[in-house]
Amino acid sequence: FQKQVCNDIGRRLTVLEDAWAQGKLSAPVRKRMSLLVQELQQQHWDTADEIHRSLMVDHVNEVSQWMVGVKRLIAETRDLPTGETDSSADTETTAEPTTEPAAEPGQEE
C-alpha cells in the first residue's frame, strides 16, 4: 500500500496497542479483537469485517479512535495478491491482537 496509508494504520494500531497494554479495553472487546486477528491470519476477510462492524456498533465509544485503522488494514490486505499474505498468515501465530495487524502493513512497504 501507499506509505501514507501504512503510517495511518500504524498510528491507529499504536493507540489500540497502548489501550490493550494499559488494560483500558473491556473483556468483550479484547475477545472480539482476538477473534478478528485469527480471521485475519486465516485470510477470512468477510468474517474479519463482520467482527469489525460488530465492534463499531456495540462498543463505539471504546473502539472509535483505532477501529478505522483496523478497517483499513482489512481492506488493504484483502486487496493484496494471495501470495503477498500467505507467508505472514502461515508464520505468525501470536494471539496478541496488536502484534499481527501491526505486522501486516510493515511487510508490504
PDB file of N, CA and C in Angstrom:
ATOM      1  N   PHE A   1       0.826  -1.178   0.000  1.00  0.00           N
ATOM      2  CA  PHE A   1       0.000   0.000   0.000  1.00  0.00           C
ATOM      3  C   PHE A   1       0.870   1.240   0.000  1.00  0.00           C
ATOM      4  N   GLN A   2       0.229   2.374  -0.074  1.00  0.00           N
ATOM      5  CA  GLN A   2       0.955   3.620  -0.038  1.00  0.00           C
ATOM      6  C   GLN A   2       1.486   3.851   1.368  1.00  0.00           C
ATOM      7  N   LYS A   3       2.636   4.532   1.419  1.00  0.00           N
ATOM      8  CA  LYS A   3       3.273   4.777   2.707  1.00  0.00           C
ATOM      9  C   LYS A   3       2.355   5.543   3.663  1.00  0.00           C
ATOM     10  N   GLN A   4       1.606   6.510   3.148  1.00  0.00           N
ATOM     11  CA  GLN A   4       0.706   7.301   3.991  1.00  0.00           C
ATOM     12  C   GLN A   4      -0.366   6.418   4.626  1.00  0.00           C
ATOM     13  N   VAL A   5      -0.908   5.482   3.846  1.00  0.00           N
ATOM     14  CA  VAL A   5      -1.917   4.565   4.374  1.00  0.00           C
ATOM     15  C   VAL A   5      -1.307   3.706   5.473  1.00  0.00           C
ATOM     16  N   CYS A   6      -0.102   3.186   5.224  1.00  0.00           N
ATOM     17  CA  CYS A   6       0.583   2.367   6.237  1.00  0.00           C
ATOM     18  C   CYS A   6       0.826   3.163   7.510  1.00  0.00           C
ATOM     19  N   ASN A   7       1.263   4.399   7.362  1.00  0.00           N
ATOM     20  CA  ASN A   7       1.524   5.234   8.535  1.00  0.00           C
ATOM     21  C   ASN A   7       0.250   5.495   9.327  1.00  0.00           C
ATOM     22  N   ASP A   8      -0.857   5.751   8.628  1.00  0.00           N
ATOM     23  CA  ASP A   8      -2.131   5.988   9.305  1.00  0.00           C
ATOM     24  C   ASP A   8      -2.582   4.743  10.056  1.00  0.00           C
ATOM     25  N   ILE A   9      -2.504   3.596   9.399  1.00  0.00           N
ATOM     26  CA  ILE A   9      -2.873   2.335  10.052  1.00  0.00           C
ATOM     27  C   ILE A   9      -1.981   2.107  11.267  1.00  0.00           C
ATOM     28  N   GLY A  10      -0.688   2.329  11.108  1.00  0.00           N
ATOM     29  CA  GLY A  10       0.261   2.135  12.205  1.00  0.00           C
ATOM     30  C   GLY A  10      -0.040   3.020  13.399  1.00  0.00           C
ATOM     31  N   ARG A  11      -0.350   4.289  13.136  1.00  0.00           N
ATOM     32  CA  ARG A  11      -0.685   5.216  14.242  1.00  0.00           C
ATOM     33  C   ARG A  11      -1.923   4.735  14.997  1.00  0.00           C
ATOM     34  N   ARG A  12      -2.928   4.323  14.262  1.00  0.00           N
ATOM     35  CA  ARG A  12      -4.173   3.886  14.903  1.00  0.00           C
ATOM     36  C   ARG A  12      -3.970   2.574  15.671  1.00  0.00           C
ATOM     37  N   LEU A  13      -3.162   1.678  15.112  1.00  0.00           N
ATOM     38  CA  LEU A  13      -2.896   0.420  15.815  1.00  0.00           C
ATOM     39  C   LEU A  13      -2.037   0.648  17.057  1.00  0.00           C
ATOM     40  N   THR A  14      -1.233   1.698  17.050  1.00  0.00           N
ATOM     41  CA  THR A  14      -0.470   2.050  18.246  1.00  0.00           C
ATOM     42  C   THR A  14      -1.418   2.480  19.362  1.00  0.00           C
ATOM     43  N   VAL A  15      -2.476   3.200  19.014  1.00  0.00           N
ATOM     44  CA  VAL A  15      -3.489   3.579  20.008  1.00  0.00           C
ATOM     45  C   VAL A  15      -4.136   2.322  20.581  1.00  0.00           C
ATOM     46  N   LEU A  16      -4.469   1.367  19.708  1.00  0.00           N
ATOM     47  CA  LEU A  16      -5.024   0.084  20.161  1.00  0.00           C
ATOM     48  C   LEU A  16      -4.037  -0.631  21.076  1.00  0.00           C
ATOM     49  N   GLU A  17      -2.793  -0.705  20.655  1.00  0.00           N
ATOM     50  CA  GLU A  17      -1.767  -1.395  21.443  1.00  0.00           C
ATOM     51  C   GLU A  17      -1.631  -0.776  22.832  1.00  0.00           C
ATOM     52  N   ASP A  18      -1.611   0.549  22.889  1.00  0.00           N
ATOM     53  CA  ASP A  18      -1.488   1.237  24.178  1.00  0.00           C
ATOM     54  C   ASP A  18      -2.698   0.963  25.078  1.00  0.00           C
ATOM     55  N   ALA A  19      -3.896   1.033  24.495  1.00  0.00           N
ATOM     56  CA  ALA A  19      -5.110   0.774  25.281  1.00  0.00           C
ATOM     57  C   ALA A  19      -5.113  -0.660  25.800  1.00  0.00           C
ATOM     58  N   TRP A  20      -4.681  -1.605  24.956  1.00  0.00           N
ATOM     59  CA  TRP A  20      -4.630  -3.016  25.357  1.00  0.00           C
ATOM     60  C   TRP A  20      -3.625  -3.187  26.511  1.00  0.00           C
ATOM     61  N   ALA A  21      -2.439  -2.640  26.344  1.00  0.00           N
ATOM     62  CA  ALA A  21      -1.372  -2.796  27.333  1.00  0.00           C
ATOM     63  C   ALA A  21      -1.735  -2.148  28.669  1.00  0.00           C
ATOM     64  N   GLN A  22      -2.492  -1.067  28.619  1.00  0.00           N
ATOM     65  CA  GLN A  22      -2.869  -0.357  29.837  1.00  0.00           C
ATOM     66  C   GLN A  22      -4.153  -0.900  30.460  1.00  0.00           C
ATOM     67  N   GLY A  23      -4.688  -1.972  29.886  1.00  0.00           N
ATOM     68  CA  GLY A  23      -5.889  -2.577  30.441  1.00  0.00           C
ATOM     69  C   GLY A  23      -7.144  -1.742  30.269  1.00  0.00           C
ATOM     70  N   LYS A  24      -7.162  -0.885  29.267  1.00  0.00           N
ATOM     71  CA  LYS A  24      -8.307   0.010  29.061  1.00  0.00           C
ATOM     72  C   LYS A  24      -9.413  -0.602  28.206  1.00  0.00           C
ATOM     73  N   LEU A  25      -9.183  -1.794  27.675  1.00  0.00           N
ATOM     74  CA  LEU A  25     -10.195  -2.428  26.826  1.00  0.00           C
ATOM     75  C   LEU A  25     -10.994  -3.444  27.632  1.00  0.00           C
ATOM     76  N   SER A  26     -12.289  -3.438  27.431  1.00  0.00           N
ATOM     77  CA  SER A  26     -13.159  -4.381  28.133  1.00  0.00           C
ATOM     78  C   SER A  26     -12.916  -5.798  27.637  1.00  0.00           C
ATOM     79  N   ALA A  27     -13.341  -6.758  28.425  1.00  0.00           N
ATOM     80  CA  ALA A  27     -13.176  -8.169  28.052  1.00  0.00           C
ATOM     81  C   ALA A  27     -13.867  -8.505  26.726  1.00  0.00           C
ATOM     82  N   PRO A  28     -15.094  -8.022  26.475  1.00  0.00           N
ATOM     83  CA  PRO A  28     -15.712  -8.342  25.184  1.00  0.00           C
ATOM     84  C   PRO A  28     -14.933  -7.789  23.986  1.00  0.00           C
ATOM     85  N   VAL A  29     -14.362  -6.604  24.132  1.00  0.00           N
ATOM     86  CA  VAL A  29     -13.576  -6.024  23.037  1.00  0.00           C
ATOM     87  C   VAL A  29     -12.293  -6.834  22.834  1.00  0.00           C
ATOM     88  N   ARG A  30     -11.625  -7.182  23.916  1.00  0.00           N
ATOM     89  CA  ARG A  30     -10.396  -7.988  23.788  1.00  0.00           C
ATOM     90  C   ARG A  30     -10.694  -9.328  23.125  1.00  0.00           C
ATOM     91  N   LYS A  31     -11.804  -9.953  23.528  1.00  0.00           N
ATOM     92  CA  LYS A  31     -12.162 -11.251  22.967  1.00  0.00           C
ATOM     93  C   LYS A  31     -12.445 -11.142  21.469  1.00  0.00           C
ATOM     94  N   ARG A  32     -13.243 -10.142  21.093  1.00  0.00           N
ATOM     95  CA  ARG A  32     -13.563  -9.984  19.665  1.00  0.00           C
ATOM     96  C   ARG A  32     -12.335  -9.603  18.850  1.00  0.00           C
ATOM     97  N   MET A  33     -11.441  -8.819  19.427  1.00  0.00           N
ATOM     98  CA  MET A  33     -10.213  -8.475  18.698  1.00  0.00           C
ATOM     99  C   MET A  33      -9.335  -9.706  18.509  1.00  0.00           C
ATOM    100  N   SER A  34      -9.299 -10.586  19.490  1.00  0.00           N
ATOM    101  CA  SER A  34      -8.551 -11.839  19.333  1.00  0.00           C
ATOM    102  C   SER A  34      -9.153 -12.673  18.200  1.00  0.00           C
ATOM    103  N   LEU A  35     -10.468 -12.728  18.147  1.00  0.00           N
ATOM    104  CA  LEU A  35     -11.135 -13.445  17.058  1.00  0.00           C
ATOM    105  C   LEU A  35     -10.845 -12.782  15.714  1.00  0.00           C
ATOM    106  N   LEU A  36     -10.850 -11.462  15.695  1.00  0.00           N
ATOM    107  CA  LEU A  36     -10.569 -10.733  14.460  1.00  0.00           C
ATOM    108  C   LEU A  36      -9.160 -11.055  13.959  1.00  0.00           C
ATOM    109  N   VAL A  37      -8.192 -11.102  14.862  1.00  0.00           N
ATOM    110  CA  VAL A  37      -6.813 -11.442  14.482  1.00  0.00           C
ATOM    111  C   VAL A  37      -6.768 -12.839  13.876  1.00  0.00           C
ATOM    112  N   GLN A  38      -7.459 -13.786  14.486  1.00  0.00           N
ATOM    113  CA  GLN A  38      -7.470 -15.151  13.946  1.00  0.00           C
ATOM    114  C   GLN A  38      -8.042 -15.170  12.534  1.00  0.00           C
ATOM    115  N   GLU A  39      -9.097 -14.415  12.313  1.00  0.00           N
ATOM    116  CA  GLU A  39      -9.698 -14.366  10.977  1.00  0.00           C
ATOM    117  C   GLU A  39      -8.750 -13.716   9.971  1.00  0.00           C
ATOM    118  N   LEU A  40      -8.037 -12.681  10.391  1.00  0.00           N
ATOM    119  CA  LEU A  40      -7.049 -12.059   9.508  1.00  0.00           C
ATOM    120  C   LEU A  40      -5.927 -13.046   9.163  1.00  0.00           C
ATOM    121  N   GLN A  41      -5.469 -13.789  10.161  1.00  0.00           N
ATOM    122  CA  GLN A  41      -4.410 -14.766   9.929  1.00  0.00           C
ATOM    123  C   GLN A  41      -4.846 -15.824   8.925  1.00  0.00           C
ATOM    124  N   GLN A  42      -6.114 -16.165   8.944  1.00  0.00           N
ATOM    125  CA  GLN A  42      -6.645 -17.189   8.039  1.00  0.00           C
ATOM    126  C   GLN A  42      -7.169 -16.585   6.738  1.00  0.00           C
ATOM    127  N   GLN A  43      -6.999 -15.285   6.596  1.00  0.00           N
ATOM    128  CA  GLN A  43      -7.433 -14.548   5.402  1.00  0.00           C
ATOM    129  C   GLN A  43      -8.937 -14.664   5.172  1.00  0.00           C
ATOM    130  N   HIS A  44      -9.697 -14.697   6.249  1.00  0.00           N
ATOM    131  CA  HIS A  44     -11.158 -14.694   6.182  1.00  0.00           C
ATOM    132  C   HIS A  44     -11.607 -13.237   6.283  1.00  0.00           C
ATOM    133  N   TRP A  45     -11.488 -12.523   5.176  1.00  0.00           N
ATOM    134  CA  TRP A  45     -11.695 -11.076   5.180  1.00  0.00           C
ATOM    135  C   TRP A  45     -13.129 -10.707   5.538  1.00  0.00           C
ATOM    136  N   ASP A  46     -14.113 -11.437   5.011  1.00  0.00           N
ATOM    137  CA  ASP A  46     -15.513 -11.100   5.281  1.00  0.00           C
ATOM    138  C   ASP A  46     -15.850 -11.277   6.759  1.00  0.00           C
ATOM    139  N   THR A  47     -15.352 -12.347   7.357  1.00  0.00           N
ATOM    140  CA  THR A  47     -15.613 -12.580   8.776  1.00  0.00           C
ATOM    141  C   THR A  47     -14.921 -11.519   9.627  1.00  0.00           C
ATOM    142  N   ALA A  48     -13.683 -11.173   9.273  1.00  0.00           N
ATOM    143  CA  ALA A  48     -12.966 -10.114   9.998  1.00  0.00           C
ATOM    144  C   ALA A  48     -13.733  -8.800   9.893  1.00  0.00           C
ATOM    145  N   ASP A  49     -14.277  -8.521   8.712  1.00  0.00           N
ATOM    146  CA  ASP A  49     -15.043  -7.295   8.513  1.00  0.00           C
ATOM    147  C   ASP A  49     -16.323  -7.305   9.345  1.00  0.00           C
ATOM    148  N   GLU A  50     -16.968  -8.458   9.454  1.00  0.00           N
ATOM    149  CA  GLU A  50     -18.176  -8.566  10.289  1.00  0.00           C
ATOM    150  C   GLU A  50     -17.850  -8.296  11.758  1.00  0.00           C
ATOM    151  N   ILE A  51     -16.723  -8.847  12.229  1.00  0.00           N
ATOM    152  CA  ILE A  51     -16.306  -8.613  13.618  1.00  0.00           C
ATOM    153  C   ILE A  51     -16.030  -7.126  13.820  1.00  0.00           C
ATOM    154  N   HIS A  52     -15.352  -6.527  12.851  1.00  0.00           N
ATOM    155  CA  HIS A  52     -15.069  -5.086  12.917  1.00  0.00           C
ATOM    156  C   HIS A  52     -16.362  -4.287  13.045  1.00  0.00           C
ATOM    157  N   ARG A  53     -17.343  -4.604  12.216  1.00  0.00           N
ATOM    158  CA  ARG A  53     -18.611  -3.873  12.252  1.00  0.00           C
ATOM    159  C   ARG A  53     -19.332  -4.075  13.583  1.00  0.00           C
ATOM    160  N   SER A  54     -19.308  -5.295  14.101  1.00  0.00           N
ATOM    161  CA  SER A  54     -19.993  -5.542  15.372  1.00  0.00           C
ATOM    162  C   SER A  54     -19.340  -4.765  16.509  1.00  0.00           C
ATOM    163  N   LEU A  55     -18.030  -4.635  16.474  1.00  0.00           N
ATOM    164  CA  LEU A  55     -17.340  -3.834  17.485  1.00  0.00           C
ATOM    165  C   LEU A  55     -17.726  -2.364  17.371  1.00  0.00           C
ATOM    166  N   MET A  56     -17.833  -1.872  16.145  1.00  0.00           N
ATOM    167  CA  MET A  56     -18.200  -0.464  15.945  1.00  0.00           C
ATOM    168  C   MET A  56     -19.626  -0.188  16.432  1.00  0.00           C
ATOM    169  N   VAL A  57     -20.507  -1.143  16.256  1.00  0.00           N
ATOM    170  CA  VAL A  57     -21.901  -0.960  16.682  1.00  0.00           C
ATOM    171  C   VAL A  57     -22.038  -1.111  18.197  1.00  0.00           C
ATOM    172  N   ASP A  58     -21.433  -2.149  18.741  1.00  0.00           N
ATOM    173  CA  ASP A  58     -21.635  -2.478  20.155  1.00  0.00           C
ATOM    174  C   ASP A  58     -20.732  -1.715  21.118  1.00  0.00           C
ATOM    175  N   HIS A  59     -19.572  -1.253  20.636  1.00  0.00           N
ATOM    176  CA  HIS A  59     -18.586  -0.634  21.541  1.00  0.00           C
ATOM    177  C   HIS A  59     -17.977   0.622  20.923  1.00  0.00           C
ATOM    178  N   VAL A  60     -18.793   1.428  20.270  1.00  0.00           N
ATOM    179  CA  VAL A  60     -18.280   2.567  19.504  1.00  0.00           C
ATOM    180  C   VAL A  60     -17.408   3.505  20.339  1.00  0.00           C
ATOM    181  N   ASN A  61     -17.793   3.808  21.556  1.00  0.00           N
ATOM    182  CA  ASN A  61     -17.005   4.736  22.375  1.00  0.00           C
ATOM    183  C   ASN A  61     -15.630   4.177  22.716  1.00  0.00           C
ATOM    184  N   GLU A  62     -15.561   2.881  22.855  1.00  0.00           N
ATOM    185  CA  GLU A  62     -14.307   2.240  23.251  1.00  0.00           C
ATOM    186  C   GLU A  62     -13.340   2.038  22.080  1.00  0.00           C
ATOM    187  N   VAL A  63     -13.874   1.849  20.880  1.00  0.00           N
ATOM    188  CA  VAL A  63     -13.021   1.461  19.752  1.00  0.00           C
ATOM    189  C   VAL A  63     -12.862   2.538  18.675  1.00  0.00           C
ATOM    190  N   SER A  64     -13.583   3.640  18.790  1.00  0.00           N
ATOM    191  CA  SER A  64     -13.641   4.606  17.688  1.00  0.00           C
ATOM    192  C   SER A  64     -12.286   5.218  17.325  1.00  0.00           C
ATOM    193  N   GLN A  65     -11.382   5.375  18.273  1.00  0.00           N
ATOM    194  CA  GLN A  65     -10.096   6.009  17.982  1.00  0.00           C
ATOM    195  C   GLN A  65      -9.193   5.152  17.102  1.00  0.00           C
ATOM    196  N   TRP A  66      -9.312   3.845  17.188  1.00  0.00           N
ATOM    197  CA  TRP A  66      -8.386   2.985  16.458  1.00  0.00           C
ATOM    198  C   TRP A  66      -9.043   2.037  15.464  1.00  0.00           C
ATOM    199  N   MET A  67     -10.355   1.870  15.521  1.00  0.00           N
ATOM    200  CA  MET A  67     -11.001   0.883  14.663  1.00  0.00           C
ATOM    201  C   MET A  67     -10.928   1.242  13.186  1.00  0.00           C
ATOM    202  N   VAL A  68     -10.820   2.517  12.848  1.00  0.00           N
ATOM    203  CA  VAL A  68     -10.657   2.905  11.445  1.00  0.00           C
ATOM    204  C   VAL A  68      -9.374   2.288  10.883  1.00  0.00           C
ATOM    205  N   GLY A  69      -8.329   2.218  11.699  1.00  0.00           N
ATOM    206  CA  GLY A  69      -7.084   1.583  11.265  1.00  0.00           C
ATOM    207  C   GLY A  69      -7.264   0.099  11.001  1.00  0.00           C
ATOM    208  N   VAL A  70      -8.056  -0.564  11.834  1.00  0.00           N
ATOM    209  CA  VAL A  70      -8.333  -1.991  11.632  1.00  0.00           C
ATOM    210  C   VAL A  70      -9.136  -2.179  10.351  1.00  0.00           C
ATOM    211  N   LYS A  71     -10.114  -1.310  10.134  1.00  0.00           N
ATOM    212  CA  LYS A  71     -10.927  -1.392   8.916  1.00  0.00           C
ATOM    213  C   LYS A  71     -10.053  -1.222   7.677  1.00  0.00           C
ATOM    214  N   ARG A  72      -9.168  -0.257   7.704  1.00  0.00           N
ATOM    215  CA  ARG A  72      -8.283  -0.026   6.557  1.00  0.00           C
ATOM    216  C   ARG A  72      -7.325  -1.191   6.364  1.00  0.00           C
ATOM    217  N   LEU A  73      -6.858  -1.761   7.462  1.00  0.00           N
ATOM    218  CA  LEU A  73      -5.979  -2.929   7.377  1.00  0.00           C
ATOM    219  C   LEU A  73      -6.695  -4.086   6.679  1.00  0.00           C
ATOM    220  N   ILE A  74      -7.927  -4.342   7.074  1.00  0.00           N
ATOM    221  CA  ILE A  74      -8.706  -5.412   6.444  1.00  0.00           C
ATOM    222  C   ILE A  74      -8.868  -5.122   4.959  1.00  0.00           C
ATOM    223  N   ALA A  75      -9.256  -3.898   4.627  1.00  0.00           N
ATOM    224  CA  ALA A  75      -9.497  -3.539   3.228  1.00  0.00           C
ATOM    225  C   ALA A  75      -8.222  -3.650   2.389  1.00  0.00           C
ATOM    226  N   GLU A  76      -7.119  -3.159   2.912  1.00  0.00           N
ATOM    227  CA  GLU A  76      -5.863  -3.171   2.160  1.00  0.00           C
ATOM    228  C   GLU A  76      -5.311  -4.584   1.990  1.00  0.00           C
ATOM    229  N   THR A  77      -5.371  -5.398   3.032  1.00  0.00           N
ATOM    230  CA  THR A  77      -4.830  -6.755   2.911  1.00  0.00           C
ATOM    231  C   THR A  77      -5.734  -7.629   2.062  1.00  0.00           C
ATOM    232  N   ARG A  78      -7.016  -7.356   2.065  1.00  0.00           N
ATOM    233  CA  ARG A  78      -7.951  -8.097   1.210  1.00  0.00           C
ATOM    234  C   ARG A  78      -7.601  -7.882  -0.261  1.00  0.00           C
ATOM    235  N   ASP A  79      -7.149  -6.684  -0.601  1.00  0.00           N
ATOM    236  CA  ASP A  79      -6.855  -6.341  -1.991  1.00  0.00           C
ATOM    237  C   ASP A  79      -5.492  -6.820  -2.466  1.00  0.00           C
ATOM    238  N   LEU A  80      -4.652  -7.320  -1.563  1.00  0.00           N
ATOM    239  CA  LEU A  80      -3.331  -7.802  -1.959  1.00  0.00           C
ATOM    240  C   LEU A  80      -3.449  -9.113  -2.731  1.00  0.00           C
ATOM    241  N   PRO A  81      -2.514  -9.361  -3.652  1.00  0.00           N
ATOM    242  CA  PRO A  81      -2.493 -10.681  -4.295  1.00  0.00           C
ATOM    243  C   PRO A  81      -2.314 -11.763  -3.234  1.00  0.00           C
ATOM    244  N   THR A  82      -2.874 -12.934  -3.446  1.00  0.00           N
ATOM    245  CA  THR A  82      -2.881 -14.003  -2.445  1.00  0.00           C
ATOM    246  C   THR A  82      -1.483 -14.324  -1.933  1.00  0.00           C
ATOM    247  N   GLY A  83      -0.506 -14.411  -2.785  1.00  0.00           N
ATOM    248  CA  GLY A  83       0.855 -14.745  -2.373  1.00  0.00           C
ATOM    249  C   GLY A  83       1.472 -13.740  -1.433  1.00  0.00           C
ATOM    250  N   GLU A  84       0.995 -12.508  -1.457  1.00  0.00           N
ATOM    251  CA  GLU A  84       1.546 -11.450  -0.619  1.00  0.00           C
ATOM    252  C   GLU A  84       1.233 -11.669   0.852  1.00  0.00           C
ATOM    253  N   THR A  85       0.134 -12.369   1.170  1.00  0.00           N
ATOM    254  CA  THR A  85      -0.258 -12.543   2.567  1.00  0.00           C
ATOM    255  C   THR A  85      -0.049 -13.961   3.064  1.00  0.00           C
ATOM    256  N   ASP A  86       0.190 -14.922   2.176  1.00  0.00           N
ATOM    257  CA  ASP A  86       0.310 -16.324   2.595  1.00  0.00           C
ATOM    258  C   ASP A  86       1.397 -16.542   3.632  1.00  0.00           C
ATOM    259  N   SER A  87       2.585 -16.004   3.407  1.00  0.00           N
ATOM    260  CA  SER A  87       3.699 -16.291   4.310  1.00  0.00           C
ATOM    261  C   SER A  87       3.454 -15.741   5.706  1.00  0.00           C
ATOM    262  N   SER A  88       2.897 -14.538   5.808  1.00  0.00           N
ATOM    263  CA  SER A  88       2.661 -13.988   7.145  1.00  0.00           C
ATOM    264  C   SER A  88       1.541 -14.733   7.852  1.00  0.00           C
ATOM    265  N   ALA A  89       0.544 -15.180   7.125  1.00  0.00           N
ATOM    266  CA  ALA A  89      -0.551 -15.918   7.757  1.00  0.00           C
ATOM    267  C   ALA A  89      -0.083 -17.273   8.249  1.00  0.00           C
ATOM    268  N   ASP A  90       0.863 -17.870   7.562  1.00  0.00           N
ATOM    269  CA  ASP A  90       1.356 -19.191   7.960  1.00  0.00           C
ATOM    270  C   ASP A  90       2.367 -19.121   9.093  1.00  0.00           C
ATOM    271  N   THR A  91       3.132 -18.034   9.175  1.00  0.00           N
ATOM    272  CA  THR A  91       4.215 -17.984  10.153  1.00  0.00           C
ATOM    273  C   THR A  91       3.845 -17.252  11.430  1.00  0.00           C
ATOM    274  N   GLU A  92       2.892 -16.335  11.391  1.00  0.00           N
ATOM    275  CA  GLU A  92       2.515 -15.582  12.583  1.00  0.00           C
ATOM    276  C   GLU A  92       1.420 -16.329  13.326  1.00  0.00           C
ATOM    277  N   THR A  93       1.701 -16.723  14.569  1.00  0.00           N
ATOM    278  CA  THR A  93       0.708 -17.477  15.319  1.00  0.00           C
ATOM    279  C   THR A  93       0.391 -16.850  16.662  1.00  0.00           C
ATOM    280  N   THR A  94       0.835 -15.622  16.884  1.00  0.00           N
ATOM    281  CA  THR A  94       0.588 -14.994  18.175  1.00  0.00           C
ATOM    282  C   THR A  94      -0.886 -14.687  18.340  1.00  0.00           C
ATOM    283  N   ALA A  95      -1.354 -14.739  19.573  1.00  0.00           N
ATOM    284  CA  ALA A  95      -2.744 -14.427  19.865  1.00  0.00           C
ATOM    285  C   ALA A  95      -2.905 -12.964  20.255  1.00  0.00           C
ATOM    286  N   GLU A  96      -1.810 -12.247  20.418  1.00  0.00           N
ATOM    287  CA  GLU A  96      -1.855 -10.840  20.793  1.00  0.00           C
ATOM    288  C   GLU A  96      -2.387 -10.019  19.620  1.00  0.00           C
ATOM    289  N   PRO A  97      -3.535  -9.404  19.759  1.00  0.00           N
ATOM    290  CA  PRO A  97      -4.150  -8.733  18.624  1.00  0.00           C
ATOM    291  C   PRO A  97      -3.340  -7.588  18.065  1.00  0.00           C
ATOM    292  N   THR A  98      -2.513  -6.947  18.869  1.00  0.00           N
ATOM    293  CA  THR A  98      -1.777  -5.813  18.339  1.00  0.00           C
ATOM    294  C   THR A  98      -0.553  -6.245  17.560  1.00  0.00           C
ATOM    295  N   THR A  99      -0.103  -7.467  17.723  1.00  0.00           N
ATOM    296  CA  THR A  99       1.092  -7.930  17.024  1.00  0.00           C
ATOM    297  C   THR A  99       0.802  -8.236  15.568  1.00  0.00           C
ATOM    298  N   GLU A 100      -0.181  -9.046  15.296  1.00  0.00           N
ATOM    299  CA  GLU A 100      -0.450  -9.466  13.923  1.00  0.00           C
ATOM    300  C   GLU A 100      -0.888  -8.321  13.016  1.00  0.00           C
ATOM    301  N   PRO A 101      -1.904  -7.535  13.386  1.00  0.00           N
ATOM    302  CA  PRO A 101      -2.286  -6.459  12.472  1.00  0.00           C
ATOM    303  C   PRO A 101      -1.165  -5.465  12.226  1.00  0.00           C
ATOM    304  N   ALA A 102      -0.370  -5.153  13.234  1.00  0.00           N
ATOM    305  CA  ALA A 102       0.707  -4.197  13.032  1.00  0.00           C
ATOM    306  C   ALA A 102       1.782  -4.758  12.120  1.00  0.00           C
ATOM    307  N   ALA A 103       1.951  -6.081  12.091  1.00  0.00           N
ATOM    308  CA  ALA A 103       2.979  -6.681  11.258  1.00  0.00           C
ATOM    309  C   ALA A 103       2.621  -6.615   9.782  1.00  0.00           C
ATOM    310  N   GLU A 104       1.361  -6.694   9.457  1.00  0.00           N
ATOM    311  CA  GLU A 104       0.943  -6.718   8.061  1.00  0.00           C
ATOM    312  C   GLU A 104       1.377  -5.481   7.261  1.00  0.00           C
ATOM    313  N   PRO A 105       1.058  -4.240   7.733  1.00  0.00           N
ATOM    314  CA  PRO A 105       1.421  -3.100   6.904  1.00  0.00           C
ATOM    315  C   PRO A 105       2.911  -2.959   6.688  1.00  0.00           C
ATOM    316  N   GLY A 106       3.711  -3.213   7.695  1.00  0.00           N
ATOM    317  CA  GLY A 106       5.154  -3.071   7.580  1.00  0.00           C
ATOM    318  C   GLY A 106       5.753  -4.022   6.558  1.00  0.00           C
ATOM    319  N   GLN A 107       5.136  -5.166   6.391  1.00  0.00           N
ATOM    320  CA  GLN A 107       5.661  -6.158   5.448  1.00  0.00           C
ATOM    321  C   GLN A 107       5.400  -5.749   4.004  1.00  0.00           C
ATOM    322  N   GLU A 108       4.467  -4.850   3.788  1.00  0.00           N
ATOM    323  CA  GLU A 108       4.072  -4.511   2.432  1.00  0.00           C
ATOM    324  C   GLU A 108       4.718  -3.242   1.921  1.00  0.00           C
ATOM    325  N   GLU A 109       5.491  -2.536   2.761  1.00  0.00           N
ATOM    326  CA  GLU A 109       6.100  -1.284   2.314  1.00  0.00           C
ATOM    327  C   GLU A 109       7.180  -1.528   1.297  1.00  0.00           C
TER     328      GLU A 109
END
